[in-house]
Amino acid sequence: MRMIVGISGASGFPLAVCLLKELKTKQDVETHLVFTSGAELTARQEYGMEPDEIRELADVNYNNHDIGAAIASGSFLTDGMIILPCSMKTVAGIADGYSDNLLLRAADVTIKEQRKLVLAVRDTPMSSIHLENMLKLSRLPNVFLMPPLVTYYQRPQSMEDMERQIVGRLLQPFGVEMEGFRRWS
């Protein structure tokens, strides 16, 4: 499996790190990472990590300004893309087909090739503009709008338990099982 992971500048960077660490344990998953300059700032603020430390968690890394990179082409086969966290700026760019950077172009390609696109949308409260953009995206095949919401039915004992549950849920459209993910029973 080949998966693109995009990270935008919204809050939730620890979830992106959890996702990349989990995918690194999967022998059959190759990760292709691209993140925005806003994500670089958030990495430092929320996680105390430098962007290069995060890049080490992926198999292949791209510069967000390299619009000619492999993941910008539909002929580069992937199983899809997860953007975690996904800012409302990123949602707006995807919804309007405004592909002025590699993260947005990769999402655009994922949609046009009808591959799975999981958007872990982050913002609150949401405005009518946010909701209209998400409504537009929700009508497209294989687009999953999945805000990283905390659940309590699994009785989490720590932040890590909550993060693992959220990331496990985000991986479900790809059929990737995360160790420690608890389903409703």
N, C-alpha and C. Protein backbone atom coordinates (compact mmCIF):
# COMPACT_ATOMS: atom_id res chain seq x y z
N MET A 1 0.84 -1.17 0.00
CA MET A 1 0.00 0.00 0.00
C MET A 1 0.89 1.24 0.00
N ARG A 2 0.50 2.22 -0.78
CA ARG A 2 1.21 3.49 -0.85
C ARG A 2 0.24 4.59 -0.44
N MET A 3 0.58 5.32 0.62
CA MET A 3 -0.32 6.33 1.16
C MET A 3 0.38 7.68 1.28
N ILE A 4 -0.34 8.71 0.86
CA ILE A 4 0.13 10.08 1.03
C ILE A 4 -0.39 10.59 2.36
N VAL A 5 0.50 11.21 3.13
CA VAL A 5 0.11 11.86 4.38
C VAL A 5 0.41 13.34 4.23
N GLY A 6 -0.63 14.14 4.39
CA GLY A 6 -0.49 15.59 4.35
C GLY A 6 -0.73 16.14 5.74
N ILE A 7 0.05 17.14 6.12
CA ILE A 7 -0.13 17.79 7.41
C ILE A 7 -0.25 19.29 7.15
N SER A 8 -1.37 19.87 7.58
CA SER A 8 -1.53 21.32 7.44
C SER A 8 -1.36 21.97 8.80
N GLY A 9 -1.53 23.28 8.86
CA GLY A 9 -1.18 24.03 10.07
C GLY A 9 -2.21 24.08 11.17
N ALA A 10 -3.25 23.29 11.11
CA ALA A 10 -4.25 23.29 12.18
C ALA A 10 -3.71 22.59 13.42
N SER A 11 -4.37 22.82 14.53
CA SER A 11 -3.99 22.14 15.76
C SER A 11 -4.28 20.64 15.64
N GLY A 12 -3.42 19.83 16.25
CA GLY A 12 -3.60 18.39 16.20
C GLY A 12 -2.35 17.66 15.74
N PHE A 13 -1.23 18.34 15.79
CA PHE A 13 0.02 17.74 15.30
C PHE A 13 0.38 16.43 15.99
N PRO A 14 0.13 16.26 17.30
CA PRO A 14 0.44 14.97 17.92
C PRO A 14 -0.28 13.79 17.26
N LEU A 15 -1.46 14.04 16.69
CA LEU A 15 -2.18 12.98 15.98
C LEU A 15 -1.44 12.58 14.70
N ALA A 16 -0.87 13.57 14.01
CA ALA A 16 -0.11 13.28 12.80
C ALA A 16 1.12 12.43 13.12
N VAL A 17 1.77 12.75 14.21
CA VAL A 17 2.94 11.97 14.64
C VAL A 17 2.52 10.55 14.99
N CYS A 18 1.40 10.42 15.70
CA CYS A 18 0.88 9.09 16.04
C CYS A 18 0.59 8.29 14.77
N LEU A 19 -0.03 8.93 13.78
CA LEU A 19 -0.34 8.26 12.51
C LEU A 19 0.94 7.79 11.82
N LEU A 20 1.92 8.67 11.70
CA LEU A 20 3.16 8.31 11.01
C LEU A 20 3.90 7.20 11.75
N LYS A 21 3.92 7.25 13.07
CA LYS A 21 4.57 6.18 13.84
C LYS A 21 3.87 4.85 13.63
N GLU A 22 2.54 4.88 13.59
CA GLU A 22 1.78 3.64 13.37
C GLU A 22 2.05 3.08 11.98
N LEU A 23 2.02 3.93 10.97
CA LEU A 23 2.24 3.46 9.60
C LEU A 23 3.66 2.93 9.42
N LYS A 24 4.61 3.48 10.17
CA LYS A 24 6.00 3.00 10.09
C LYS A 24 6.11 1.55 10.56
N THR A 25 5.20 1.11 11.41
CA THR A 25 5.23 -0.28 11.89
C THR A 25 4.65 -1.26 10.88
N LYS A 26 3.99 -0.75 9.86
CA LYS A 26 3.33 -1.61 8.86
C LYS A 26 4.30 -1.87 7.71
N GLN A 27 4.72 -3.11 7.58
CA GLN A 27 5.67 -3.51 6.54
C GLN A 27 5.16 -3.22 5.14
N ASP A 28 3.85 -3.30 4.96
CA ASP A 28 3.26 -3.19 3.63
C ASP A 28 2.73 -1.79 3.30
N VAL A 29 3.09 -0.79 4.10
CA VAL A 29 2.63 0.58 3.85
C VAL A 29 3.84 1.48 3.60
N GLU A 30 3.82 2.16 2.45
CA GLU A 30 4.85 3.13 2.10
C GLU A 30 4.23 4.52 2.23
N THR A 31 4.84 5.38 3.05
CA THR A 31 4.26 6.70 3.29
C THR A 31 5.01 7.79 2.52
N HIS A 32 4.23 8.71 1.97
CA HIS A 32 4.73 9.85 1.21
C HIS A 32 4.21 11.10 1.91
N LEU A 33 5.12 11.88 2.49
CA LEU A 33 4.74 12.98 3.38
C LEU A 33 4.97 14.34 2.75
N VAL A 34 3.96 15.21 2.93
CA VAL A 34 4.09 16.61 2.54
C VAL A 34 3.38 17.44 3.61
N PHE A 35 4.04 18.52 4.04
CA PHE A 35 3.35 19.39 4.98
C PHE A 35 3.65 20.85 4.71
N THR A 36 2.74 21.67 5.21
CA THR A 36 2.78 23.10 4.93
C THR A 36 3.71 23.83 5.89
N SER A 37 4.00 25.08 5.58
CA SER A 37 4.82 25.88 6.50
C SER A 37 4.08 26.11 7.81
N GLY A 38 2.76 26.21 7.76
CA GLY A 38 1.97 26.32 8.99
C GLY A 38 2.11 25.08 9.85
N ALA A 39 2.22 23.92 9.21
CA ALA A 39 2.42 22.66 9.95
C ALA A 39 3.79 22.66 10.63
N GLU A 40 4.78 23.24 9.97
CA GLU A 40 6.11 23.31 10.59
C GLU A 40 6.06 24.12 11.88
N LEU A 41 5.34 25.24 11.86
CA LEU A 41 5.20 26.06 13.06
C LEU A 41 4.44 25.30 14.15
N THR A 42 3.38 24.62 13.76
CA THR A 42 2.58 23.87 14.72
C THR A 42 3.38 22.72 15.32
N ALA A 43 4.25 22.10 14.53
CA ALA A 43 5.10 21.01 15.06
C ALA A 43 5.94 21.51 16.21
N ARG A 44 6.48 22.68 16.06
CA ARG A 44 7.32 23.25 17.12
C ARG A 44 6.49 23.65 18.34
N GLN A 45 5.33 24.26 18.09
CA GLN A 45 4.50 24.77 19.18
C GLN A 45 3.81 23.66 19.97
N GLU A 46 3.21 22.71 19.26
CA GLU A 46 2.39 21.69 19.92
C GLU A 46 3.17 20.46 20.35
N TYR A 47 4.23 20.17 19.64
CA TYR A 47 4.91 18.90 19.87
C TYR A 47 6.37 19.06 20.25
N GLY A 48 6.90 20.26 20.08
CA GLY A 48 8.30 20.49 20.42
C GLY A 48 9.26 19.74 19.53
N MET A 49 8.84 19.47 18.30
CA MET A 49 9.68 18.75 17.35
C MET A 49 10.03 19.65 16.18
N GLU A 50 11.19 19.41 15.63
CA GLU A 50 11.59 20.09 14.41
C GLU A 50 11.03 19.30 13.21
N PRO A 51 10.70 19.98 12.13
CA PRO A 51 10.15 19.30 10.96
C PRO A 51 10.99 18.12 10.47
N ASP A 52 12.31 18.23 10.54
CA ASP A 52 13.15 17.13 10.07
C ASP A 52 12.97 15.87 10.90
N GLU A 53 12.63 16.02 12.19
CA GLU A 53 12.36 14.86 13.03
C GLU A 53 11.10 14.14 12.57
N ILE A 54 10.12 14.89 12.11
CA ILE A 54 8.88 14.30 11.62
C ILE A 54 9.12 13.65 10.26
N ARG A 55 9.91 14.29 9.43
CA ARG A 55 10.21 13.74 8.10
C ARG A 55 10.84 12.35 8.19
N GLU A 56 11.60 12.11 9.26
CA GLU A 56 12.23 10.80 9.44
C GLU A 56 11.23 9.67 9.62
N LEU A 57 10.00 10.01 9.98
CA LEU A 57 8.98 9.00 10.19
C LEU A 57 8.34 8.50 8.90
N ALA A 58 8.59 9.20 7.79
CA ALA A 58 8.01 8.83 6.50
C ALA A 58 9.04 8.17 5.60
N ASP A 59 8.55 7.40 4.65
CA ASP A 59 9.44 6.75 3.69
C ASP A 59 9.96 7.73 2.64
N VAL A 60 9.08 8.64 2.19
CA VAL A 60 9.44 9.61 1.16
C VAL A 60 8.90 10.97 1.60
N ASN A 61 9.68 12.01 1.41
CA ASN A 61 9.29 13.37 1.79
C ASN A 61 9.31 14.29 0.59
N TYR A 62 8.41 15.28 0.62
CA TYR A 62 8.31 16.25 -0.46
C TYR A 62 8.28 17.66 0.09
N ASN A 63 8.81 18.58 -0.69
CA ASN A 63 8.71 20.00 -0.39
C ASN A 63 7.35 20.48 -0.88
N ASN A 64 6.63 21.19 -0.06
CA ASN A 64 5.28 21.63 -0.41
C ASN A 64 5.25 22.56 -1.62
N HIS A 65 6.39 23.13 -1.98
CA HIS A 65 6.45 24.02 -3.14
C HIS A 65 6.78 23.27 -4.44
N ASP A 66 7.10 21.99 -4.34
CA ASP A 66 7.49 21.19 -5.51
C ASP A 66 6.24 20.64 -6.21
N ILE A 67 5.58 21.48 -6.95
CA ILE A 67 4.32 21.14 -7.61
C ILE A 67 4.50 20.06 -8.69
N GLY A 68 5.75 19.77 -9.06
CA GLY A 68 6.03 18.74 -10.05
C GLY A 68 6.44 17.41 -9.44
N ALA A 69 6.28 17.24 -8.14
CA ALA A 69 6.67 15.99 -7.46
C ALA A 69 5.77 14.83 -7.90
N ALA A 70 6.22 13.64 -7.62
CA ALA A 70 5.50 12.43 -8.04
C ALA A 70 4.03 12.43 -7.59
N ILE A 71 3.76 12.84 -6.36
CA ILE A 71 2.39 12.78 -5.84
C ILE A 71 1.46 13.81 -6.48
N ALA A 72 2.00 14.67 -7.36
CA ALA A 72 1.18 15.64 -8.08
C ALA A 72 0.61 15.06 -9.37
N SER A 73 0.91 13.80 -9.65
CA SER A 73 0.46 13.18 -10.90
C SER A 73 -0.45 11.99 -10.63
N GLY A 74 -1.51 11.91 -11.41
CA GLY A 74 -2.42 10.77 -11.31
C GLY A 74 -1.79 9.47 -11.75
N SER A 75 -0.73 9.54 -12.54
CA SER A 75 -0.07 8.30 -12.98
C SER A 75 0.80 7.69 -11.88
N PHE A 76 1.05 8.45 -10.82
CA PHE A 76 1.75 7.92 -9.65
C PHE A 76 0.69 7.24 -8.79
N LEU A 77 0.73 5.94 -8.75
CA LEU A 77 -0.32 5.18 -8.08
C LEU A 77 -0.19 5.21 -6.56
N THR A 78 -1.30 5.56 -5.92
CA THR A 78 -1.38 5.52 -4.46
C THR A 78 -2.73 4.91 -4.09
N ASP A 79 -2.85 4.53 -2.84
CA ASP A 79 -4.14 4.05 -2.33
C ASP A 79 -4.99 5.19 -1.79
N GLY A 80 -4.39 6.37 -1.70
CA GLY A 80 -5.13 7.52 -1.24
C GLY A 80 -4.29 8.42 -0.36
N MET A 81 -4.99 9.29 0.38
CA MET A 81 -4.33 10.35 1.13
C MET A 81 -5.10 10.64 2.41
N ILE A 82 -4.36 10.90 3.47
CA ILE A 82 -4.93 11.41 4.71
C ILE A 82 -4.30 12.78 4.98
N ILE A 83 -5.13 13.77 5.28
CA ILE A 83 -4.61 15.06 5.71
C ILE A 83 -5.00 15.22 7.18
N LEU A 84 -3.97 15.23 8.02
CA LEU A 84 -4.16 15.24 9.47
C LEU A 84 -3.12 16.10 10.13
N PRO A 85 -3.49 17.19 10.77
CA PRO A 85 -4.81 17.79 10.76
C PRO A 85 -5.05 18.53 9.44
N CYS A 86 -6.30 18.79 9.18
CA CYS A 86 -6.68 19.48 7.95
C CYS A 86 -7.32 20.82 8.32
N SER A 87 -6.62 21.90 8.03
CA SER A 87 -7.12 23.24 8.35
C SER A 87 -8.29 23.61 7.42
N MET A 88 -9.06 24.59 7.84
CA MET A 88 -10.15 25.06 7.00
C MET A 88 -9.63 25.77 5.75
N LYS A 89 -8.44 26.33 5.83
CA LYS A 89 -7.80 26.89 4.63
C LYS A 89 -7.56 25.78 3.61
N THR A 90 -7.08 24.64 4.09
CA THR A 90 -6.84 23.50 3.21
C THR A 90 -8.15 22.96 2.65
N VAL A 91 -9.17 22.86 3.50
CA VAL A 91 -10.49 22.42 3.04
C VAL A 91 -10.98 23.34 1.92
N ALA A 92 -10.85 24.66 2.12
CA ALA A 92 -11.30 25.62 1.10
C ALA A 92 -10.55 25.44 -0.21
N GLY A 93 -9.23 25.26 -0.12
CA GLY A 93 -8.44 25.05 -1.33
C GLY A 93 -8.85 23.80 -2.08
N ILE A 94 -9.06 22.71 -1.34
CA ILE A 94 -9.48 21.45 -1.97
C ILE A 94 -10.86 21.60 -2.59
N ALA A 95 -11.80 22.18 -1.83
CA ALA A 95 -13.18 22.32 -2.30
C ALA A 95 -13.27 23.15 -3.57
N ASP A 96 -12.39 24.14 -3.70
CA ASP A 96 -12.44 25.01 -4.88
C ASP A 96 -11.44 24.62 -5.96
N GLY A 97 -10.72 23.52 -5.77
CA GLY A 97 -9.75 23.09 -6.78
C GLY A 97 -8.59 24.05 -6.93
N TYR A 98 -8.25 24.75 -5.86
CA TYR A 98 -7.17 25.74 -5.88
C TYR A 98 -5.88 25.05 -5.44
N SER A 99 -5.17 24.52 -6.39
CA SER A 99 -3.99 23.69 -6.11
C SER A 99 -2.70 24.48 -6.27
N ASP A 100 -2.48 25.44 -5.38
CA ASP A 100 -1.28 26.28 -5.52
C ASP A 100 -0.08 25.76 -4.75
N ASN A 101 -0.21 24.58 -4.14
CA ASN A 101 0.95 23.95 -3.49
C ASN A 101 0.81 22.43 -3.64
N LEU A 102 1.83 21.71 -3.24
CA LEU A 102 1.83 20.26 -3.46
C LEU A 102 0.78 19.54 -2.63
N LEU A 103 0.57 19.96 -1.39
CA LEU A 103 -0.45 19.30 -0.58
C LEU A 103 -1.82 19.40 -1.24
N LEU A 104 -2.18 20.60 -1.70
CA LEU A 104 -3.47 20.78 -2.36
C LEU A 104 -3.53 20.04 -3.70
N ARG A 105 -2.43 20.06 -4.44
CA ARG A 105 -2.40 19.35 -5.73
C ARG A 105 -2.55 17.84 -5.52
N ALA A 106 -1.88 17.29 -4.53
CA ALA A 106 -1.98 15.86 -4.24
C ALA A 106 -3.42 15.49 -3.86
N ALA A 107 -4.08 16.35 -3.08
CA ALA A 107 -5.48 16.11 -2.73
C ALA A 107 -6.37 16.19 -3.97
N ASP A 108 -6.10 17.15 -4.83
CA ASP A 108 -6.85 17.31 -6.08
C ASP A 108 -6.70 16.06 -6.95
N VAL A 109 -5.49 15.56 -7.07
CA VAL A 109 -5.24 14.34 -7.85
C VAL A 109 -5.95 13.15 -7.23
N THR A 110 -5.91 13.06 -5.91
CA THR A 110 -6.59 11.96 -5.22
C THR A 110 -8.08 11.97 -5.55
N ILE A 111 -8.69 13.15 -5.56
CA ILE A 111 -10.11 13.26 -5.89
C ILE A 111 -10.36 12.91 -7.34
N LYS A 112 -9.58 13.46 -8.25
CA LYS A 112 -9.86 13.23 -9.67
C LYS A 112 -9.64 11.77 -10.07
N GLU A 113 -8.75 11.08 -9.36
CA GLU A 113 -8.51 9.67 -9.63
C GLU A 113 -9.46 8.77 -8.82
N GLN A 114 -10.35 9.40 -8.06
CA GLN A 114 -11.35 8.73 -7.22
C GLN A 114 -10.71 7.75 -6.24
N ARG A 115 -9.58 8.19 -5.67
CA ARG A 115 -8.94 7.44 -4.59
C ARG A 115 -9.47 7.97 -3.26
N LYS A 116 -9.21 7.27 -2.20
CA LYS A 116 -9.69 7.68 -0.88
C LYS A 116 -8.94 8.90 -0.39
N LEU A 117 -9.72 9.87 0.10
CA LEU A 117 -9.18 11.08 0.69
C LEU A 117 -9.84 11.28 2.05
N VAL A 118 -9.05 11.17 3.11
CA VAL A 118 -9.54 11.35 4.47
C VAL A 118 -9.06 12.71 4.97
N LEU A 119 -10.01 13.54 5.36
CA LEU A 119 -9.70 14.88 5.85
C LEU A 119 -10.08 14.97 7.33
N ALA A 120 -9.08 15.08 8.18
CA ALA A 120 -9.31 15.24 9.62
C ALA A 120 -9.45 16.73 9.89
N VAL A 121 -10.63 17.25 9.57
CA VAL A 121 -10.89 18.69 9.62
C VAL A 121 -10.87 19.20 11.05
N ARG A 122 -10.22 20.36 11.23
CA ARG A 122 -10.02 20.93 12.55
C ARG A 122 -10.40 22.40 12.55
N ASP A 123 -11.40 22.74 13.32
CA ASP A 123 -11.71 24.12 13.64
C ASP A 123 -12.99 24.13 14.45
N THR A 124 -13.11 25.11 15.30
CA THR A 124 -14.34 25.28 16.05
C THR A 124 -14.40 26.69 16.58
N PRO A 125 -15.52 27.33 16.55
CA PRO A 125 -16.74 26.87 15.90
C PRO A 125 -16.59 26.93 14.39
N MET A 126 -17.46 26.23 13.70
CA MET A 126 -17.42 26.23 12.24
C MET A 126 -18.39 27.28 11.71
N SER A 127 -17.93 28.01 10.71
CA SER A 127 -18.78 29.02 10.10
C SER A 127 -19.58 28.39 8.95
N SER A 128 -20.50 29.15 8.43
CA SER A 128 -21.28 28.69 7.26
C SER A 128 -20.36 28.41 6.08
N ILE A 129 -19.31 29.20 5.94
CA ILE A 129 -18.35 28.98 4.85
C ILE A 129 -17.67 27.62 5.03
N HIS A 130 -17.23 27.31 6.24
CA HIS A 130 -16.60 26.00 6.50
C HIS A 130 -17.56 24.87 6.15
N LEU A 131 -18.79 25.00 6.62
CA LEU A 131 -19.78 23.95 6.40
C LEU A 131 -20.12 23.78 4.92
N GLU A 132 -20.21 24.89 4.18
CA GLU A 132 -20.49 24.81 2.74
C GLU A 132 -19.34 24.12 2.00
N ASN A 133 -18.10 24.45 2.36
CA ASN A 133 -16.95 23.79 1.73
C ASN A 133 -16.95 22.29 2.04
N MET A 134 -17.24 21.94 3.28
CA MET A 134 -17.27 20.52 3.65
C MET A 134 -18.44 19.80 2.99
N LEU A 135 -19.58 20.48 2.85
CA LEU A 135 -20.72 19.87 2.15
C LEU A 135 -20.35 19.56 0.70
N LYS A 136 -19.68 20.50 0.06
CA LYS A 136 -19.25 20.29 -1.33
C LYS A 136 -18.35 19.04 -1.42
N LEU A 137 -17.41 18.93 -0.50
CA LEU A 137 -16.49 17.78 -0.51
C LEU A 137 -17.20 16.48 -0.15
N SER A 138 -18.17 16.54 0.75
CA SER A 138 -18.87 15.33 1.17
C SER A 138 -19.65 14.67 0.05
N ARG A 139 -19.93 15.42 -0.99
CA ARG A 139 -20.70 14.88 -2.12
C ARG A 139 -19.82 14.15 -3.14
N LEU A 140 -18.51 14.21 -2.95
CA LEU A 140 -17.59 13.57 -3.88
C LEU A 140 -17.34 12.12 -3.46
N PRO A 141 -17.17 11.24 -4.44
CA PRO A 141 -16.90 9.83 -4.09
C PRO A 141 -15.55 9.69 -3.39
N ASN A 142 -15.51 8.84 -2.38
CA ASN A 142 -14.28 8.47 -1.66
C ASN A 142 -13.66 9.59 -0.84
N VAL A 143 -14.42 10.66 -0.56
CA VAL A 143 -13.93 11.70 0.33
C VAL A 143 -14.60 11.49 1.69
N PHE A 144 -13.76 11.39 2.72
CA PHE A 144 -14.23 11.14 4.08
C PHE A 144 -13.86 12.34 4.94
N LEU A 145 -14.86 13.03 5.46
CA LEU A 145 -14.64 14.14 6.39
C LEU A 145 -14.72 13.56 7.79
N MET A 146 -13.59 13.52 8.47
CA MET A 146 -13.52 12.84 9.76
C MET A 146 -12.83 13.73 10.79
N PRO A 147 -13.59 14.64 11.41
CA PRO A 147 -12.98 15.44 12.47
C PRO A 147 -12.41 14.52 13.56
N PRO A 148 -11.25 14.83 14.07
CA PRO A 148 -10.63 13.97 15.08
C PRO A 148 -11.31 14.14 16.44
N LEU A 149 -12.45 13.48 16.59
CA LEU A 149 -13.25 13.61 17.80
C LEU A 149 -12.88 12.55 18.82
N VAL A 150 -12.86 12.95 20.06
CA VAL A 150 -12.57 12.03 21.16
C VAL A 150 -13.81 11.19 21.44
N THR A 151 -13.60 9.90 21.66
CA THR A 151 -14.68 9.00 22.07
C THR A 151 -14.36 8.47 23.46
N TYR A 152 -15.41 8.06 24.16
CA TYR A 152 -15.22 7.61 25.54
C TYR A 152 -15.68 6.17 25.77
N TYR A 153 -16.35 5.56 24.77
CA TYR A 153 -16.87 4.21 24.99
C TYR A 153 -15.77 3.18 25.23
N GLN A 154 -14.57 3.46 24.76
CA GLN A 154 -13.45 2.53 24.99
C GLN A 154 -12.75 2.79 26.33
N ARG A 155 -13.25 3.78 27.07
CA ARG A 155 -12.73 4.15 28.39
C ARG A 155 -11.22 4.43 28.37
N PRO A 156 -10.83 5.49 27.67
CA PRO A 156 -9.41 5.82 27.57
C PRO A 156 -8.82 6.15 28.93
N GLN A 157 -7.59 5.71 29.14
CA GLN A 157 -6.89 5.97 30.38
C GLN A 157 -5.84 7.06 30.25
N SER A 158 -5.56 7.49 29.01
CA SER A 158 -4.51 8.48 28.79
C SER A 158 -4.78 9.22 27.47
N MET A 159 -4.01 10.29 27.26
CA MET A 159 -4.06 11.00 25.98
C MET A 159 -3.68 10.08 24.83
N GLU A 160 -2.68 9.22 25.07
CA GLU A 160 -2.24 8.29 24.04
C GLU A 160 -3.36 7.35 23.64
N ASP A 161 -4.16 6.89 24.60
CA ASP A 161 -5.31 6.03 24.27
C ASP A 161 -6.27 6.77 23.35
N MET A 162 -6.54 8.04 23.67
CA MET A 162 -7.45 8.83 22.84
C MET A 162 -6.87 9.06 21.45
N GLU A 163 -5.58 9.37 21.37
CA GLU A 163 -4.94 9.60 20.08
C GLU A 163 -4.98 8.32 19.24
N ARG A 164 -4.69 7.18 19.85
CA ARG A 164 -4.69 5.91 19.11
C ARG A 164 -6.10 5.60 18.59
N GLN A 165 -7.11 5.91 19.37
CA GLN A 165 -8.48 5.65 18.93
C GLN A 165 -8.84 6.54 17.73
N ILE A 166 -8.46 7.80 17.80
CA ILE A 166 -8.74 8.71 16.68
C ILE A 166 -8.00 8.27 15.43
N VAL A 167 -6.71 8.00 15.54
CA VAL A 167 -5.92 7.59 14.38
C VAL A 167 -6.42 6.25 13.83
N GLY A 168 -6.76 5.33 14.71
CA GLY A 168 -7.31 4.05 14.26
C GLY A 168 -8.57 4.23 13.44
N ARG A 169 -9.40 5.18 13.84
CA ARG A 169 -10.63 5.47 13.09
C ARG A 169 -10.31 6.08 11.73
N LEU A 170 -9.32 6.96 11.68
CA LEU A 170 -8.94 7.60 10.42
C LEU A 170 -8.37 6.60 9.42
N LEU A 171 -7.78 5.52 9.92
CA LEU A 171 -7.20 4.50 9.04
C LEU A 171 -8.23 3.50 8.51
N GLN A 172 -9.41 3.47 9.10
CA GLN A 172 -10.42 2.49 8.72
C GLN A 172 -10.79 2.51 7.24
N PRO A 173 -10.96 3.68 6.59
CA PRO A 173 -11.30 3.64 5.16
C PRO A 173 -10.26 2.92 4.30
N PHE A 174 -9.04 2.81 4.79
CA PHE A 174 -7.97 2.13 4.05
C PHE A 174 -7.83 0.66 4.44
N GLY A 175 -8.62 0.22 5.41
CA GLY A 175 -8.53 -1.16 5.87
C GLY A 175 -7.27 -1.44 6.67
N VAL A 176 -6.64 -0.41 7.20
CA VAL A 176 -5.43 -0.57 8.00
C VAL A 176 -5.85 -0.68 9.47
N GLU A 177 -5.50 -1.78 10.10
CA GLU A 177 -5.83 -1.99 11.50
C GLU A 177 -4.72 -1.43 12.39
N MET A 178 -5.12 -0.71 13.40
CA MET A 178 -4.18 -0.13 14.34
C MET A 178 -4.25 -0.90 15.64
N GLU A 179 -3.09 -1.31 16.11
CA GLU A 179 -3.05 -2.04 17.37
C GLU A 179 -3.59 -1.16 18.50
N GLY A 180 -4.47 -1.71 19.30
CA GLY A 180 -5.06 -0.98 20.40
C GLY A 180 -6.33 -0.25 20.04
N PHE A 181 -6.72 -0.26 18.77
CA PHE A 181 -7.98 0.37 18.36
C PHE A 181 -9.13 -0.49 18.85
N ARG A 182 -10.08 0.13 19.53
CA ARG A 182 -11.20 -0.63 20.09
C ARG A 182 -12.48 -0.24 19.38
N ARG A 183 -13.14 -1.25 18.83
CA ARG A 183 -14.43 -1.05 18.17
C ARG A 183 -15.55 -1.12 19.18
N TRP A 184 -16.67 -0.54 18.81
CA TRP A 184 -17.86 -0.64 19.64
C TRP A 184 -18.31 -2.09 19.64
N SER A 185 -18.64 -2.58 20.82
CA SER A 185 -19.11 -3.97 20.88
C SER A 185 -20.32 -4.09 21.77
